[in-house]
Amino acid sequence: MRIYKTRWLARFARQQHIADASLREAIVRAEQGLIDTDLGGGLIKQRVARLGQGRSGGYRMIVAYRMKDRAVFLYGFAKNERENIDRPELEALREIAAIWLNANAERIALGIAEDELQEVPNDREKT
């Protein structure tokens, strides 16, 4: 499973102090079948904990997700700032999800080279 975040999401995560480990944990839960919300079109919504707190009052992440293959964090928001995304945003995110989920290895590499994507490191690969 390869996990990526878009440039926008990387900036949001940095500003909100959301660690890569928290993003990876959200995908581990998804891989175990623990998906918070299936939004259709390859999109899921996963909760991510606020630093020092639990997931319920934390952040909501919209993720392009294909089990055992690839996850791309596209968008995030704080639960206390916004309840949900609206229909036009959902449709736009589905289009973006389709692009990244259908991208071949060369397109992913180009996305990384052009700073459109960042790979979320796998802690196990460092050992």
C-alpha atoms as a PDB file:
ATOM      1  CA  MET A   1       0.000   0.000   0.000  1.00  0.00           C
ATOM      2  CA  ARG A   2       1.443   3.340  -1.081  1.00  0.00           C
ATOM      3  CA  ILE A   3       0.157   6.458   0.646  1.00  0.00           C
ATOM      4  CA  TYR A   4       0.442   9.970  -0.750  1.00  0.00           C
ATOM      5  CA  LYS A   5      -0.757  13.445   0.120  1.00  0.00           C
ATOM      6  CA  THR A   6      -1.399  16.292  -2.281  1.00  0.00           C
ATOM      7  CA  ARG A   7       0.516  19.540  -1.980  1.00  0.00           C
ATOM      8  CA  TRP A   8      -2.569  21.208  -0.480  1.00  0.00           C
ATOM      9  CA  LEU A   9      -3.031  18.453   2.097  1.00  0.00           C
ATOM     10  CA  ALA A  10       0.682  18.469   2.976  1.00  0.00           C
ATOM     11  CA  ARG A  11       0.454  22.197   3.737  1.00  0.00           C
ATOM     12  CA  PHE A  12      -2.766  21.724   5.759  1.00  0.00           C
ATOM     13  CA  ALA A  13      -1.213  18.860   7.747  1.00  0.00           C
ATOM     14  CA  ARG A  14       1.898  20.911   8.469  1.00  0.00           C
ATOM     15  CA  GLN A  15      -0.162  23.919   9.644  1.00  0.00           C
ATOM     16  CA  GLN A  16      -2.375  21.734  11.845  1.00  0.00           C
ATOM     17  CA  HIS A  17       0.536  19.647  13.176  1.00  0.00           C
ATOM     18  CA  ILE A  18      -0.907  16.398  11.783  1.00  0.00           C
ATOM     19  CA  ALA A  19       1.860  13.810  11.723  1.00  0.00           C
ATOM     20  CA  ASP A  20       2.412  11.414   8.827  1.00  0.00           C
ATOM     21  CA  ALA A  21       1.981   8.612  11.361  1.00  0.00           C
ATOM     22  CA  SER A  22      -1.615   9.776  11.941  1.00  0.00           C
ATOM     23  CA  LEU A  23      -2.314   9.701   8.214  1.00  0.00           C
ATOM     24  CA  ARG A  24      -0.808   6.243   7.914  1.00  0.00           C
ATOM     25  CA  GLU A  25      -2.868   5.046  10.899  1.00  0.00           C
ATOM     26  CA  ALA A  26      -6.071   6.213   9.147  1.00  0.00           C
ATOM     27  CA  ILE A  27      -5.180   4.052   6.145  1.00  0.00           C
ATOM     28  CA  VAL A  28      -4.252   1.080   8.329  1.00  0.00           C
ATOM     29  CA  ARG A  29      -7.772   1.309   9.779  1.00  0.00           C
ATOM     30  CA  ALA A  30      -9.245   1.496   6.272  1.00  0.00           C
ATOM     31  CA  GLU A  31      -7.270  -1.578   5.223  1.00  0.00           C
ATOM     32  CA  GLN A  32      -8.812  -3.386   8.196  1.00  0.00           C
ATOM     33  CA  GLY A  33     -12.279  -2.466   6.893  1.00  0.00           C
ATOM     34  CA  LEU A  34     -12.727   0.378   9.385  1.00  0.00           C
ATOM     35  CA  ILE A  35     -13.785   3.096   6.953  1.00  0.00           C
ATOM     36  CA  ASP A  36     -15.543   6.005   8.624  1.00  0.00           C
ATOM     37  CA  THR A  37     -17.572   6.980   5.534  1.00  0.00           C
ATOM     38  CA  ASP A  38     -17.569   5.638   1.966  1.00  0.00           C
ATOM     39  CA  LEU A  39     -18.297   8.639  -0.260  1.00  0.00           C
ATOM     40  CA  GLY A  40     -18.371   6.619  -3.490  1.00  0.00           C
ATOM     41  CA  GLY A  41     -16.267   7.127  -6.577  1.00  0.00           C
ATOM     42  CA  GLY A  42     -13.125   5.899  -4.852  1.00  0.00           C
ATOM     43  CA  LEU A  43     -13.428   8.421  -2.005  1.00  0.00           C
ATOM     44  CA  ILE A  44     -13.537   7.731   1.701  1.00  0.00           C
ATOM     45  CA  LYS A  45     -13.668  10.020   4.709  1.00  0.00           C
ATOM     46  CA  GLN A  46     -11.420   9.051   7.614  1.00  0.00           C
ATOM     47  CA  ARG A  47     -11.096  10.693  11.004  1.00  0.00           C
ATOM     48  CA  VAL A  48      -7.646  11.713  12.194  1.00  0.00           C
ATOM     49  CA  ALA A  49      -6.938  12.677  15.793  1.00  0.00           C
ATOM     50  CA  ARG A  50      -6.095  16.173  16.870  1.00  0.00           C
ATOM     51  CA  LEU A  51      -2.678  16.338  18.577  1.00  0.00           C
ATOM     52  CA  GLY A  52      -3.096  15.011  22.115  1.00  0.00           C
ATOM     53  CA  GLN A  53      -6.803  14.246  21.616  1.00  0.00           C
ATOM     54  CA  GLY A  54      -9.032  11.600  20.062  1.00  0.00           C
ATOM     55  CA  ARG A  55     -10.378  11.236  16.541  1.00  0.00           C
ATOM     56  CA  SER A  56     -13.996  12.243  17.237  1.00  0.00           C
ATOM     57  CA  GLY A  57     -13.222  15.961  17.658  1.00  0.00           C
ATOM     58  CA  GLY A  58     -10.262  16.005  15.317  1.00  0.00           C
ATOM     59  CA  TYR A  59      -9.920  16.245  11.572  1.00  0.00           C
ATOM     60  CA  ARG A  60     -11.819  14.735   8.670  1.00  0.00           C
ATOM     61  CA  MET A  61      -9.713  13.639   5.717  1.00  0.00           C
ATOM     62  CA  ILE A  62     -11.056  12.985   2.246  1.00  0.00           C
ATOM     63  CA  VAL A  63      -8.957  10.242   0.682  1.00  0.00           C
ATOM     64  CA  ALA A  64      -8.821   8.681  -2.776  1.00  0.00           C
ATOM     65  CA  TYR A  65      -8.563   5.044  -1.783  1.00  0.00           C
ATOM     66  CA  ARG A  66      -8.079   1.714  -3.493  1.00  0.00           C
ATOM     67  CA  MET A  67      -7.651  -1.175  -1.066  1.00  0.00           C
ATOM     68  CA  LYS A  68      -4.201  -2.825  -1.024  1.00  0.00           C
ATOM     69  CA  ASP A  69      -2.972  -0.438  -3.714  1.00  0.00           C
ATOM     70  CA  ARG A  70      -2.968   3.305  -3.156  1.00  0.00           C
ATOM     71  CA  ALA A  71      -4.343   6.067  -0.943  1.00  0.00           C
ATOM     72  CA  VAL A  72      -4.066   9.775  -1.731  1.00  0.00           C
ATOM     73  CA  PHE A  73      -5.050  12.291   0.934  1.00  0.00           C
ATOM     74  CA  LEU A  74      -6.818  15.062  -0.979  1.00  0.00           C
ATOM     75  CA  TYR A  75      -8.554  17.345   1.495  1.00  0.00           C
ATOM     76  CA  GLY A  76      -8.911  17.858   5.221  1.00  0.00           C
ATOM     77  CA  PHE A  77     -10.894  19.980   7.615  1.00  0.00           C
ATOM     78  CA  ALA A  78     -11.360  20.359  11.341  1.00  0.00           C
ATOM     79  CA  LYS A  79     -14.608  18.954  12.683  1.00  0.00           C
ATOM     80  CA  ASN A  80     -15.155  22.057  14.826  1.00  0.00           C
ATOM     81  CA  GLU A  81     -14.806  24.377  11.812  1.00  0.00           C
ATOM     82  CA  ARG A  82     -16.956  22.560   9.295  1.00  0.00           C
ATOM     83  CA  GLU A  83     -19.519  19.785   9.415  1.00  0.00           C
ATOM     84  CA  ASN A  84     -19.010  18.337   5.933  1.00  0.00           C
ATOM     85  CA  ILE A  85     -18.232  19.064   2.286  1.00  0.00           C
ATOM     86  CA  ASP A  86     -20.954  20.106  -0.151  1.00  0.00           C
ATOM     87  CA  ARG A  87     -22.086  18.341  -3.342  1.00  0.00           C
ATOM     88  CA  PRO A  88     -19.979  20.411  -5.817  1.00  0.00           C
ATOM     89  CA  GLU A  89     -16.855  19.843  -3.692  1.00  0.00           C
ATOM     90  CA  LEU A  90     -17.618  16.121  -3.526  1.00  0.00           C
ATOM     91  CA  GLU A  91     -17.947  15.912  -7.306  1.00  0.00           C
ATOM     92  CA  ALA A  92     -14.678  17.797  -7.828  1.00  0.00           C
ATOM     93  CA  LEU A  93     -12.901  15.540  -5.334  1.00  0.00           C
ATOM     94  CA  ARG A  94     -14.257  12.439  -7.110  1.00  0.00           C
ATOM     95  CA  GLU A  95     -12.735  13.705 -10.366  1.00  0.00           C
ATOM     96  CA  ILE A  96      -9.379  14.314  -8.692  1.00  0.00           C
ATOM     97  CA  ALA A  97      -9.576  10.891  -7.020  1.00  0.00           C
ATOM     98  CA  ALA A  98     -10.140   9.209 -10.383  1.00  0.00           C
ATOM     99  CA  ILE A  99      -7.045  10.897 -11.801  1.00  0.00           C
ATOM    100  CA  TRP A 100      -4.765   9.734  -8.981  1.00  0.00           C
ATOM    101  CA  LEU A 101      -6.270   6.273  -8.590  1.00  0.00           C
ATOM    102  CA  ASN A 102      -5.929   5.606 -12.322  1.00  0.00           C
ATOM    103  CA  ALA A 103      -2.460   7.140 -12.628  1.00  0.00           C
ATOM    104  CA  ASN A 104       0.327   4.797 -13.669  1.00  0.00           C
ATOM    105  CA  ALA A 105       3.707   4.670 -11.932  1.00  0.00           C
ATOM    106  CA  GLU A 106       5.201   7.218 -14.356  1.00  0.00           C
ATOM    107  CA  ARG A 107       2.426   9.742 -13.636  1.00  0.00           C
ATOM    108  CA  ILE A 108       2.839   9.251  -9.874  1.00  0.00           C
ATOM    109  CA  ALA A 109       6.606   9.779 -10.210  1.00  0.00           C
ATOM    110  CA  LEU A 110       5.977  12.944 -12.229  1.00  0.00           C
ATOM    111  CA  GLY A 111       3.522  14.158  -9.572  1.00  0.00           C
ATOM    112  CA  ILE A 112       6.200  13.676  -6.929  1.00  0.00           C
ATOM    113  CA  ALA A 113       8.887  15.334  -9.062  1.00  0.00           C
ATOM    114  CA  GLU A 114       6.616  18.334  -9.705  1.00  0.00           C
ATOM    115  CA  ASP A 115       5.630  18.542  -6.014  1.00  0.00           C
ATOM    116  CA  GLU A 116       1.964  17.750  -6.719  1.00  0.00           C
ATOM    117  CA  LEU A 117       2.281  14.719  -4.419  1.00  0.00           C
ATOM    118  CA  GLN A 118       4.370  13.671  -1.467  1.00  0.00           C
ATOM    119  CA  GLU A 119       4.687  10.082  -0.373  1.00  0.00           C
ATOM    120  CA  VAL A 120       3.840   9.396   3.256  1.00  0.00           C
ATOM    121  CA  PRO A 121       6.827   7.404   4.490  1.00  0.00           C
ATOM    122  CA  ASN A 122       6.298   3.928   5.847  1.00  0.00           C
ATOM    123  CA  ASP A 123       8.054   3.727   9.210  1.00  0.00           C
ATOM    124  CA  ARG A 124       8.738   0.026   8.620  1.00  0.00           C
ATOM    125  CA  GLU A 125      10.753   0.845   5.474  1.00  0.00           C
ATOM    126  CA  LYS A 126      13.222   2.903   7.555  1.00  0.00           C
ATOM    127  CA  THR A 127      14.387  -0.037   9.670  1.00  0.00           C
END
